[in-house]
Amino acid sequence: MTFTKYTRRKIDQTWLVFTVTEYGTFYAHADGEEPSRENMVAGPTSTDDELRAVLKVKVKEAKLSVAVPFTYVVPENGKLVHGHARGIHASTGDVLVTWQGGAKDSVSNWSSSVYKPLAGEERVAIEALAARVRVKVVELTEAQTALMEAIEPHALGGKKLAEEVRKAITEKMAETEKMAEVAP
């Protein structure tokens, strides 16, 4: 996709580059960088007027401060992490979050690991289950490591396996040729 710059505007103390693609879609990008999908602030829209309207809403949203509590389950180990969602990333649509310890990050809006905040006995029970999962993950990791260490001396790898197949084919062809020579 090719972005053609057609103007530069200051929106709420931030300079943005406005572009249009060969498909007639309009975008706003962070100024000072080559326009791309990664630094897109708004778009796609069908018209410049639409783009400006979207930006007005985004500017108002950016000025608001919210703190929506939630619980996140780390998929790799089942650990429960608590935080507050504070906004939406302008170009990616990801949810901007602050974790319980104060670290700031983002969570994909496609994530299926986000849940309502947990409290009381329910939180204690679910955290106990999560702790059991973490123990099993450690046991699984240790068992996988032991398996790989035990089987490593027997490793062939893709190239060595191919060599073994070629060797077997060559031997089979030689055997077949010998039998053809012996046959009356």
N, C-alpha and C. Protein backbone atom coordinates (compact mmCIF):
# COMPACT_ATOMS: atom_id res chain seq x y z
N MET A 1 0.85 -1.17 0.00
CA MET A 1 0.00 0.00 0.00
C MET A 1 0.90 1.23 0.00
N THR A 2 0.59 2.17 -0.85
CA THR A 2 1.37 3.40 -0.96
C THR A 2 0.61 4.55 -0.32
N PHE A 3 1.29 5.28 0.56
CA PHE A 3 0.68 6.43 1.23
C PHE A 3 1.21 7.70 0.57
N THR A 4 0.30 8.55 0.12
CA THR A 4 0.68 9.84 -0.46
C THR A 4 0.29 10.94 0.51
N LYS A 5 1.30 11.70 0.96
CA LYS A 5 1.04 12.80 1.90
C LYS A 5 0.31 13.93 1.17
N TYR A 6 -0.74 14.47 1.80
CA TYR A 6 -1.42 15.60 1.18
C TYR A 6 -1.53 16.81 2.10
N THR A 7 -1.27 16.63 3.38
CA THR A 7 -1.21 17.79 4.27
C THR A 7 -0.62 17.39 5.61
N ARG A 8 -0.30 18.39 6.39
CA ARG A 8 0.23 18.21 7.74
C ARG A 8 -0.57 19.14 8.63
N ARG A 9 -1.13 18.60 9.72
CA ARG A 9 -1.97 19.42 10.60
C ARG A 9 -1.58 19.20 12.05
N LYS A 10 -1.80 20.25 12.85
CA LYS A 10 -1.55 20.16 14.29
C LYS A 10 -2.89 19.88 14.96
N ILE A 11 -2.98 18.74 15.62
CA ILE A 11 -4.20 18.37 16.33
C ILE A 11 -3.84 18.26 17.80
N ASP A 12 -4.42 19.15 18.62
CA ASP A 12 -4.19 19.13 20.07
C ASP A 12 -2.71 19.06 20.40
N GLN A 13 -1.92 19.97 19.90
CA GLN A 13 -0.49 20.10 20.17
C GLN A 13 0.37 18.99 19.57
N THR A 14 -0.21 18.15 18.69
CA THR A 14 0.55 17.08 18.05
C THR A 14 0.46 17.23 16.54
N TRP A 15 1.62 17.23 15.87
CA TRP A 15 1.63 17.32 14.41
C TRP A 15 1.37 15.94 13.81
N LEU A 16 0.46 15.91 12.86
CA LEU A 16 0.11 14.68 12.16
C LEU A 16 0.24 14.88 10.66
N VAL A 17 0.60 13.83 9.96
CA VAL A 17 0.66 13.85 8.50
C VAL A 17 -0.58 13.13 7.99
N PHE A 18 -1.30 13.78 7.08
CA PHE A 18 -2.49 13.17 6.50
C PHE A 18 -2.11 12.59 5.14
N THR A 19 -2.55 11.33 4.91
CA THR A 19 -2.21 10.64 3.68
C THR A 19 -3.45 10.03 3.06
N VAL A 20 -3.31 9.71 1.77
CA VAL A 20 -4.34 8.98 1.05
C VAL A 20 -3.64 7.87 0.27
N THR A 21 -4.28 6.71 0.17
CA THR A 21 -3.68 5.59 -0.54
C THR A 21 -4.18 5.55 -1.97
N GLU A 22 -3.58 4.65 -2.75
CA GLU A 22 -4.02 4.47 -4.14
C GLU A 22 -5.44 3.93 -4.21
N TYR A 23 -5.96 3.45 -3.08
CA TYR A 23 -7.33 2.92 -3.04
C TYR A 23 -8.33 3.98 -2.60
N GLY A 24 -7.85 5.19 -2.32
CA GLY A 24 -8.74 6.28 -1.93
C GLY A 24 -9.12 6.26 -0.47
N THR A 25 -8.29 5.62 0.36
CA THR A 25 -8.57 5.63 1.79
C THR A 25 -7.64 6.62 2.48
N PHE A 26 -8.17 7.28 3.50
CA PHE A 26 -7.46 8.36 4.18
C PHE A 26 -6.97 7.91 5.54
N TYR A 27 -5.75 8.36 5.91
CA TYR A 27 -5.12 8.01 7.18
C TYR A 27 -4.45 9.25 7.77
N ALA A 28 -4.24 9.20 9.08
CA ALA A 28 -3.40 10.20 9.76
C ALA A 28 -2.27 9.42 10.42
N HIS A 29 -1.04 9.95 10.30
CA HIS A 29 0.15 9.28 10.82
C HIS A 29 0.93 10.21 11.73
N ALA A 30 1.74 9.61 12.59
CA ALA A 30 2.65 10.39 13.43
C ALA A 30 3.61 11.14 12.50
N ASP A 31 3.85 12.41 12.80
CA ASP A 31 4.75 13.22 11.98
C ASP A 31 6.20 12.82 12.25
N GLY A 32 7.04 12.98 11.23
CA GLY A 32 8.46 12.71 11.38
C GLY A 32 8.85 11.29 11.04
N GLU A 33 7.89 10.46 10.69
CA GLU A 33 8.18 9.09 10.31
C GLU A 33 7.56 8.83 8.94
N GLU A 34 8.11 7.85 8.27
CA GLU A 34 7.54 7.44 6.98
C GLU A 34 6.18 6.81 7.27
N PRO A 35 5.11 7.26 6.60
CA PRO A 35 3.79 6.70 6.86
C PRO A 35 3.75 5.17 6.65
N SER A 36 3.17 4.48 7.63
CA SER A 36 3.01 3.04 7.55
C SER A 36 1.84 2.65 8.44
N ARG A 37 1.47 1.38 8.39
CA ARG A 37 0.38 0.91 9.25
C ARG A 37 0.80 0.94 10.73
N GLU A 38 2.10 0.84 11.00
CA GLU A 38 2.58 0.81 12.37
C GLU A 38 2.45 2.17 13.06
N ASN A 39 2.63 3.27 12.34
CA ASN A 39 2.54 4.57 12.99
C ASN A 39 1.26 5.32 12.65
N MET A 40 0.25 4.57 12.22
CA MET A 40 -1.05 5.15 11.90
C MET A 40 -1.73 5.59 13.19
N VAL A 41 -2.28 6.80 13.18
CA VAL A 41 -3.00 7.32 14.34
C VAL A 41 -4.50 7.15 14.13
N ALA A 42 -4.95 7.30 12.89
CA ALA A 42 -6.38 7.15 12.58
C ALA A 42 -6.54 6.72 11.13
N GLY A 43 -7.64 6.06 10.87
CA GLY A 43 -7.95 5.61 9.53
C GLY A 43 -8.17 4.12 9.55
N PRO A 44 -8.58 3.53 8.49
CA PRO A 44 -8.90 4.16 7.22
C PRO A 44 -10.30 4.77 7.23
N THR A 45 -10.44 5.86 6.50
CA THR A 45 -11.74 6.46 6.28
C THR A 45 -11.90 6.73 4.79
N SER A 46 -13.12 7.03 4.39
CA SER A 46 -13.40 7.26 2.96
C SER A 46 -13.14 8.69 2.52
N THR A 47 -13.16 9.64 3.48
CA THR A 47 -12.96 11.05 3.12
C THR A 47 -12.09 11.74 4.16
N ASP A 48 -11.57 12.88 3.79
CA ASP A 48 -10.78 13.71 4.69
C ASP A 48 -11.66 14.20 5.83
N ASP A 49 -12.90 14.58 5.54
CA ASP A 49 -13.82 15.04 6.59
C ASP A 49 -14.07 13.95 7.63
N GLU A 50 -14.26 12.73 7.16
CA GLU A 50 -14.45 11.59 8.07
C GLU A 50 -13.23 11.41 8.97
N LEU A 51 -12.05 11.52 8.36
CA LEU A 51 -10.80 11.35 9.10
C LEU A 51 -10.69 12.40 10.19
N ARG A 52 -11.00 13.65 9.87
CA ARG A 52 -10.94 14.71 10.88
C ARG A 52 -11.94 14.47 12.01
N ALA A 53 -13.13 13.95 11.67
CA ALA A 53 -14.14 13.65 12.69
C ALA A 53 -13.64 12.54 13.62
N VAL A 54 -13.02 11.51 13.05
CA VAL A 54 -12.47 10.42 13.86
C VAL A 54 -11.38 10.96 14.78
N LEU A 55 -10.53 11.82 14.27
CA LEU A 55 -9.46 12.39 15.07
C LEU A 55 -9.99 13.23 16.23
N LYS A 56 -11.07 13.98 16.01
CA LYS A 56 -11.65 14.79 17.08
C LYS A 56 -12.08 13.89 18.24
N VAL A 57 -12.69 12.75 17.90
CA VAL A 57 -13.13 11.81 18.93
C VAL A 57 -11.91 11.22 19.64
N LYS A 58 -10.89 10.84 18.88
CA LYS A 58 -9.68 10.26 19.48
C LYS A 58 -8.98 11.25 20.41
N VAL A 59 -8.96 12.54 20.04
CA VAL A 59 -8.35 13.55 20.88
C VAL A 59 -9.12 13.68 22.19
N LYS A 60 -10.46 13.67 22.11
CA LYS A 60 -11.27 13.74 23.33
C LYS A 60 -11.03 12.51 24.20
N GLU A 61 -10.98 11.33 23.57
CA GLU A 61 -10.74 10.09 24.32
C GLU A 61 -9.38 10.13 25.01
N ALA A 62 -8.37 10.66 24.32
CA ALA A 62 -7.01 10.68 24.86
C ALA A 62 -6.93 11.55 26.11
N LYS A 63 -7.80 12.55 26.24
CA LYS A 63 -7.78 13.44 27.39
C LYS A 63 -8.47 12.83 28.60
N LEU A 64 -9.27 11.79 28.38
CA LEU A 64 -9.99 11.16 29.47
C LEU A 64 -9.11 10.16 30.19
N SER A 65 -9.34 10.03 31.48
CA SER A 65 -8.60 9.07 32.27
C SER A 65 -9.60 8.10 32.89
N VAL A 66 -9.44 6.81 32.61
CA VAL A 66 -10.30 5.79 33.18
C VAL A 66 -9.44 4.73 33.84
N ALA A 67 -10.06 3.90 34.68
CA ALA A 67 -9.36 2.79 35.33
C ALA A 67 -10.36 1.66 35.48
N VAL A 68 -10.43 0.81 34.47
CA VAL A 68 -11.36 -0.32 34.47
C VAL A 68 -10.61 -1.55 34.98
N PRO A 69 -10.99 -2.07 36.16
CA PRO A 69 -10.26 -3.21 36.71
C PRO A 69 -10.54 -4.49 35.93
N PHE A 70 -9.53 -5.37 35.89
CA PHE A 70 -9.67 -6.67 35.22
C PHE A 70 -8.63 -7.63 35.76
N THR A 71 -8.82 -8.90 35.43
CA THR A 71 -7.85 -9.95 35.76
C THR A 71 -7.40 -10.57 34.45
N TYR A 72 -6.11 -10.81 34.34
CA TYR A 72 -5.51 -11.40 33.14
C TYR A 72 -4.85 -12.71 33.52
N VAL A 73 -5.06 -13.75 32.73
CA VAL A 73 -4.40 -15.03 32.96
C VAL A 73 -3.28 -15.17 31.94
N VAL A 74 -2.05 -15.27 32.41
CA VAL A 74 -0.90 -15.44 31.52
C VAL A 74 -1.02 -16.85 30.91
N PRO A 75 -1.23 -16.93 29.58
CA PRO A 75 -1.50 -18.22 28.95
C PRO A 75 -0.40 -19.27 29.14
N GLU A 76 0.85 -18.84 29.19
CA GLU A 76 1.97 -19.79 29.27
C GLU A 76 2.05 -20.52 30.60
N ASN A 77 1.59 -19.86 31.68
CA ASN A 77 1.78 -20.50 32.99
C ASN A 77 0.57 -20.41 33.91
N GLY A 78 -0.51 -19.81 33.48
CA GLY A 78 -1.71 -19.75 34.30
C GLY A 78 -1.65 -18.74 35.43
N LYS A 79 -0.62 -17.90 35.45
CA LYS A 79 -0.50 -16.91 36.52
C LYS A 79 -1.59 -15.85 36.36
N LEU A 80 -2.22 -15.47 37.48
CA LEU A 80 -3.22 -14.41 37.46
C LEU A 80 -2.54 -13.07 37.72
N VAL A 81 -2.83 -12.10 36.87
CA VAL A 81 -2.28 -10.76 37.03
C VAL A 81 -3.46 -9.79 37.04
N HIS A 82 -3.42 -8.84 37.94
CA HIS A 82 -4.52 -7.89 38.06
C HIS A 82 -4.06 -6.52 37.58
N GLY A 83 -4.98 -5.78 36.99
CA GLY A 83 -4.62 -4.46 36.50
C GLY A 83 -5.84 -3.61 36.24
N HIS A 84 -5.56 -2.42 35.67
CA HIS A 84 -6.61 -1.49 35.29
C HIS A 84 -6.39 -1.08 33.84
N ALA A 85 -7.44 -1.15 33.05
CA ALA A 85 -7.38 -0.66 31.67
C ALA A 85 -7.58 0.85 31.72
N ARG A 86 -6.73 1.58 30.98
CA ARG A 86 -6.79 3.04 31.06
C ARG A 86 -7.11 3.72 29.74
N GLY A 87 -7.19 2.95 28.64
CA GLY A 87 -7.51 3.56 27.36
C GLY A 87 -7.32 2.59 26.21
N ILE A 88 -7.47 3.11 25.01
CA ILE A 88 -7.33 2.34 23.79
C ILE A 88 -6.22 2.95 22.95
N HIS A 89 -5.28 2.13 22.48
CA HIS A 89 -4.19 2.62 21.62
C HIS A 89 -4.77 3.13 20.30
N ALA A 90 -4.36 4.32 19.91
CA ALA A 90 -4.95 4.98 18.74
C ALA A 90 -4.78 4.20 17.44
N SER A 91 -3.62 3.60 17.21
CA SER A 91 -3.43 2.95 15.91
C SER A 91 -3.68 1.45 15.93
N THR A 92 -3.37 0.77 17.05
CA THR A 92 -3.54 -0.69 17.06
C THR A 92 -4.88 -1.14 17.59
N GLY A 93 -5.53 -0.29 18.40
CA GLY A 93 -6.79 -0.67 19.00
C GLY A 93 -6.59 -1.53 20.25
N ASP A 94 -5.33 -1.80 20.62
CA ASP A 94 -5.07 -2.59 21.83
C ASP A 94 -5.47 -1.79 23.06
N VAL A 95 -5.76 -2.50 24.14
CA VAL A 95 -6.15 -1.87 25.39
C VAL A 95 -4.90 -1.51 26.18
N LEU A 96 -4.78 -0.25 26.57
CA LEU A 96 -3.65 0.22 27.37
C LEU A 96 -3.93 -0.11 28.83
N VAL A 97 -2.96 -0.74 29.50
CA VAL A 97 -3.19 -1.21 30.86
C VAL A 97 -2.07 -0.78 31.80
N THR A 98 -2.41 -0.72 33.07
CA THR A 98 -1.44 -0.55 34.13
C THR A 98 -1.61 -1.75 35.04
N TRP A 99 -0.53 -2.54 35.20
CA TRP A 99 -0.60 -3.73 36.04
C TRP A 99 -0.54 -3.33 37.51
N GLN A 100 -0.92 -4.26 38.36
CA GLN A 100 -0.98 -4.03 39.80
C GLN A 100 0.33 -3.45 40.35
N GLY A 101 1.47 -3.86 39.82
CA GLY A 101 2.76 -3.35 40.28
C GLY A 101 3.12 -1.99 39.74
N GLY A 102 2.32 -1.44 38.82
CA GLY A 102 2.57 -0.11 38.26
C GLY A 102 3.13 -0.11 36.85
N ALA A 103 3.54 -1.27 36.36
CA ALA A 103 4.08 -1.34 35.00
C ALA A 103 2.97 -1.07 33.98
N LYS A 104 3.33 -0.36 32.92
CA LYS A 104 2.36 -0.04 31.87
C LYS A 104 2.63 -0.92 30.65
N ASP A 105 1.55 -1.31 29.97
CA ASP A 105 1.65 -2.25 28.86
C ASP A 105 0.38 -2.13 28.02
N SER A 106 0.21 -3.06 27.10
CA SER A 106 -1.03 -3.13 26.35
C SER A 106 -1.43 -4.59 26.21
N VAL A 107 -2.73 -4.81 26.05
CA VAL A 107 -3.28 -6.15 25.88
C VAL A 107 -4.05 -6.14 24.57
N SER A 108 -3.82 -7.14 23.74
CA SER A 108 -4.52 -7.23 22.46
C SER A 108 -6.02 -7.25 22.70
N ASN A 109 -6.75 -6.53 21.85
CA ASN A 109 -8.20 -6.55 22.00
C ASN A 109 -8.77 -7.88 21.53
N TRP A 110 -7.92 -8.78 21.03
CA TRP A 110 -8.34 -10.13 20.63
C TRP A 110 -8.05 -11.14 21.73
N SER A 111 -7.46 -10.71 22.82
CA SER A 111 -7.05 -11.63 23.88
C SER A 111 -8.25 -12.30 24.52
N SER A 112 -8.13 -13.61 24.71
CA SER A 112 -9.19 -14.35 25.39
C SER A 112 -8.80 -14.63 26.83
N SER A 113 -7.73 -14.00 27.31
CA SER A 113 -7.22 -14.25 28.65
C SER A 113 -7.61 -13.16 29.64
N VAL A 114 -8.59 -12.32 29.28
CA VAL A 114 -8.98 -11.20 30.12
C VAL A 114 -10.34 -11.50 30.76
N TYR A 115 -10.42 -11.25 32.07
CA TYR A 115 -11.63 -11.59 32.82
C TYR A 115 -12.04 -10.45 33.73
N LYS A 116 -13.28 -10.53 34.21
CA LYS A 116 -13.76 -9.56 35.19
C LYS A 116 -12.86 -9.64 36.42
N PRO A 117 -12.76 -8.54 37.17
CA PRO A 117 -11.90 -8.59 38.36
C PRO A 117 -12.42 -9.61 39.37
N LEU A 118 -11.50 -10.28 40.02
CA LEU A 118 -11.86 -11.30 41.01
C LEU A 118 -11.74 -10.71 42.41
N ALA A 119 -12.62 -11.17 43.31
CA ALA A 119 -12.57 -10.67 44.69
C ALA A 119 -12.98 -11.78 45.65
N GLY A 120 -12.58 -11.60 46.89
CA GLY A 120 -13.03 -12.46 47.97
C GLY A 120 -12.64 -13.92 47.82
N GLU A 121 -13.56 -14.80 48.26
CA GLU A 121 -13.33 -16.25 48.24
C GLU A 121 -13.11 -16.76 46.82
N GLU A 122 -13.82 -16.15 45.87
CA GLU A 122 -13.69 -16.57 44.47
C GLU A 122 -12.25 -16.34 43.99
N ARG A 123 -11.70 -15.19 44.34
CA ARG A 123 -10.32 -14.87 43.95
C ARG A 123 -9.34 -15.86 44.58
N VAL A 124 -9.53 -16.17 45.87
CA VAL A 124 -8.65 -17.11 46.57
C VAL A 124 -8.72 -18.48 45.92
N ALA A 125 -9.93 -18.95 45.60
CA ALA A 125 -10.10 -20.28 44.99
C ALA A 125 -9.47 -20.34 43.60
N ILE A 126 -9.67 -19.31 42.80
CA ILE A 126 -9.13 -19.30 41.43
C ILE A 126 -7.61 -19.15 41.47
N GLU A 127 -7.09 -18.35 42.40
CA GLU A 127 -5.64 -18.23 42.51
C GLU A 127 -5.01 -19.54 42.96
N ALA A 128 -5.72 -20.32 43.80
CA ALA A 128 -5.21 -21.64 44.20
C ALA A 128 -5.15 -22.57 42.98
N LEU A 129 -6.18 -22.53 42.14
CA LEU A 129 -6.17 -23.33 40.91
C LEU A 129 -5.02 -22.90 40.00
N ALA A 130 -4.82 -21.60 39.88
CA ALA A 130 -3.74 -21.08 39.04
C ALA A 130 -2.38 -21.53 39.58
N ALA A 131 -2.23 -21.57 40.89
CA ALA A 131 -0.96 -22.03 41.49
C ALA A 131 -0.73 -23.50 41.14
N ARG A 132 -1.79 -24.32 41.16
CA ARG A 132 -1.66 -25.73 40.77
C ARG A 132 -1.22 -25.84 39.32
N VAL A 133 -1.78 -24.99 38.45
CA VAL A 133 -1.39 -25.00 37.03
C VAL A 133 0.09 -24.67 36.90
N ARG A 134 0.56 -23.67 37.65
CA ARG A 134 1.98 -23.29 37.56
C ARG A 134 2.88 -24.44 37.98
N VAL A 135 2.49 -25.18 39.01
CA VAL A 135 3.28 -26.33 39.45
C VAL A 135 3.32 -27.37 38.32
N LYS A 136 2.19 -27.63 37.69
CA LYS A 136 2.14 -28.61 36.60
C LYS A 136 2.96 -28.13 35.40
N VAL A 137 2.96 -26.84 35.14
CA VAL A 137 3.76 -26.30 34.02
C VAL A 137 5.25 -26.54 34.30
N VAL A 138 5.67 -26.32 35.55
CA VAL A 138 7.08 -26.56 35.91
C VAL A 138 7.39 -28.05 35.76
N GLU A 139 6.49 -28.92 36.25
CA GLU A 139 6.71 -30.37 36.13
C GLU A 139 6.78 -30.78 34.66
N LEU A 140 5.89 -30.24 33.84
CA LEU A 140 5.88 -30.55 32.41
C LEU A 140 7.18 -30.10 31.75
N THR A 141 7.62 -28.89 32.07
CA THR A 141 8.86 -28.37 31.50
C THR A 141 10.05 -29.24 31.90
N GLU A 142 10.09 -29.65 33.16
CA GLU A 142 11.18 -30.51 33.62
C GLU A 142 11.14 -31.86 32.92
N ALA A 143 9.94 -32.43 32.74
CA ALA A 143 9.81 -33.73 32.07
C ALA A 143 10.21 -33.61 30.60
N GLN A 144 9.82 -32.51 29.94
CA GLN A 144 10.21 -32.31 28.54
C GLN A 144 11.72 -32.18 28.41
N THR A 145 12.35 -31.46 29.34
CA THR A 145 13.80 -31.30 29.32
C THR A 145 14.48 -32.65 29.51
N ALA A 146 14.00 -33.44 30.47
CA ALA A 146 14.58 -34.77 30.71
C ALA A 146 14.42 -35.66 29.48
N LEU A 147 13.26 -35.62 28.85
CA LEU A 147 13.04 -36.40 27.63
C LEU A 147 14.03 -36.01 26.54
N MET A 148 14.17 -34.72 26.30
CA MET A 148 15.06 -34.26 25.24
C MET A 148 16.52 -34.62 25.54
N GLU A 149 16.92 -34.55 26.81
CA GLU A 149 18.29 -34.93 27.19
C GLU A 149 18.51 -36.43 26.99
N ALA A 150 17.49 -37.24 27.31
CA ALA A 150 17.63 -38.70 27.17
C ALA A 150 17.66 -39.13 25.71
N ILE A 151 16.93 -38.44 24.87
CA ILE A 151 16.83 -38.87 23.46
C ILE A 151 17.90 -38.22 22.58
N GLU A 152 18.56 -37.19 23.07
CA GLU A 152 19.55 -36.45 22.28
C GLU A 152 20.63 -37.33 21.67
N PRO A 153 21.18 -38.32 22.38
CA PRO A 153 22.22 -39.16 21.78
C PRO A 153 21.74 -39.93 20.54
N HIS A 154 20.45 -40.05 20.38
CA HIS A 154 19.87 -40.80 19.26
C HIS A 154 19.40 -39.89 18.12
N ALA A 155 19.73 -38.60 18.21
CA ALA A 155 19.24 -37.62 17.24
C ALA A 155 19.81 -37.88 15.84
N LEU A 156 18.96 -37.78 14.85
CA LEU A 156 19.37 -37.87 13.45
C LEU A 156 19.30 -36.50 12.80
N GLY A 157 18.24 -35.80 13.06
CA GLY A 157 18.05 -34.52 12.40
C GLY A 157 17.55 -34.74 10.99
N GLY A 158 17.01 -33.72 10.38
CA GLY A 158 16.43 -33.82 9.04
C GLY A 158 17.43 -34.26 7.98
N LYS A 159 18.65 -33.67 7.99
CA LYS A 159 19.66 -34.01 6.97
C LYS A 159 20.15 -35.43 7.15
N LYS A 160 20.42 -35.82 8.39
CA LYS A 160 20.90 -37.19 8.63
C LYS A 160 19.84 -38.22 8.28
N LEU A 161 18.58 -37.91 8.55
CA LEU A 161 17.50 -38.82 8.18
C LEU A 161 17.45 -38.97 6.66
N ALA A 162 17.59 -37.87 5.96
CA ALA A 162 17.59 -37.92 4.50
C ALA A 162 18.77 -38.77 4.01
N GLU A 163 19.93 -38.63 4.66
CA GLU A 163 21.10 -39.44 4.29
C GLU A 163 20.81 -40.92 4.52
N GLU A 164 20.15 -41.25 5.62
CA GLU A 164 19.80 -42.63 5.92
C GLU A 164 18.84 -43.18 4.86
N VAL A 165 17.89 -42.36 4.43
CA VAL A 165 16.94 -42.79 3.39
C VAL A 165 17.68 -43.02 2.08
N ARG A 166 18.58 -42.09 1.71
CA ARG A 166 19.35 -42.26 0.47
C ARG A 166 20.20 -43.54 0.52
N LYS A 167 20.82 -43.80 1.66
CA LYS A 167 21.63 -44.99 1.84
C LYS A 167 20.77 -46.25 1.67
N ALA A 168 19.58 -46.26 2.29
CA ALA A 168 18.68 -47.41 2.18
C ALA A 168 18.22 -47.61 0.75
N ILE A 169 17.94 -46.51 0.05
CA ILE A 169 17.53 -46.61 -1.36
C ILE A 169 18.66 -47.18 -2.20
N THR A 170 19.88 -46.68 -1.98
CA THR A 170 21.05 -47.17 -2.73
C THR A 170 21.25 -48.66 -2.48
N GLU A 171 21.16 -49.08 -1.21
CA GLU A 171 21.32 -50.50 -0.88
C GLU A 171 20.23 -51.34 -1.54
N LYS A 172 19.00 -50.85 -1.52
CA LYS A 172 17.88 -51.59 -2.12
C LYS A 172 18.07 -51.69 -3.63
N MET A 173 18.54 -50.61 -4.26
CA MET A 173 18.78 -50.63 -5.71
C MET A 173 19.89 -51.64 -6.04
N ALA A 174 20.96 -51.66 -5.24
CA ALA A 174 22.07 -52.59 -5.47
C ALA A 174 21.58 -54.03 -5.31
N GLU A 175 20.75 -54.26 -4.30
CA GLU A 175 20.20 -55.59 -4.07
C GLU A 175 19.32 -56.01 -5.24
N THR A 176 18.51 -55.10 -5.73
CA THR A 176 17.62 -55.39 -6.85
C THR A 176 18.42 -55.69 -8.11
N GLU A 177 19.52 -54.93 -8.31
CA GLU A 177 20.38 -55.15 -9.49
C GLU A 177 21.07 -56.52 -9.41
N LYS A 178 21.52 -56.92 -8.20
CA LYS A 178 22.15 -58.21 -8.02
C LYS A 178 21.17 -59.34 -8.33
N MET A 179 19.94 -59.16 -7.87
CA MET A 179 18.92 -60.20 -8.11
C MET A 179 18.62 -60.29 -9.59
N ALA A 180 18.67 -59.14 -10.29
CA ALA A 180 18.40 -59.14 -11.72
C ALA A 180 19.53 -59.86 -12.47
N GLU A 181 20.78 -59.71 -11.97
CA GLU A 181 21.92 -60.37 -12.59
C GLU A 181 21.84 -61.89 -12.40
N VAL A 182 21.39 -62.36 -11.25
CA VAL A 182 21.31 -63.77 -10.91
C VAL A 182 20.14 -64.43 -11.65
N ALA A 183 19.12 -63.72 -11.90
CA ALA A 183 17.93 -64.30 -12.54
C ALA A 183 18.26 -64.80 -13.93
N PRO A 184 17.72 -66.00 -14.32
CA PRO A 184 18.03 -66.58 -15.62
C PRO A 184 17.45 -65.82 -16.78
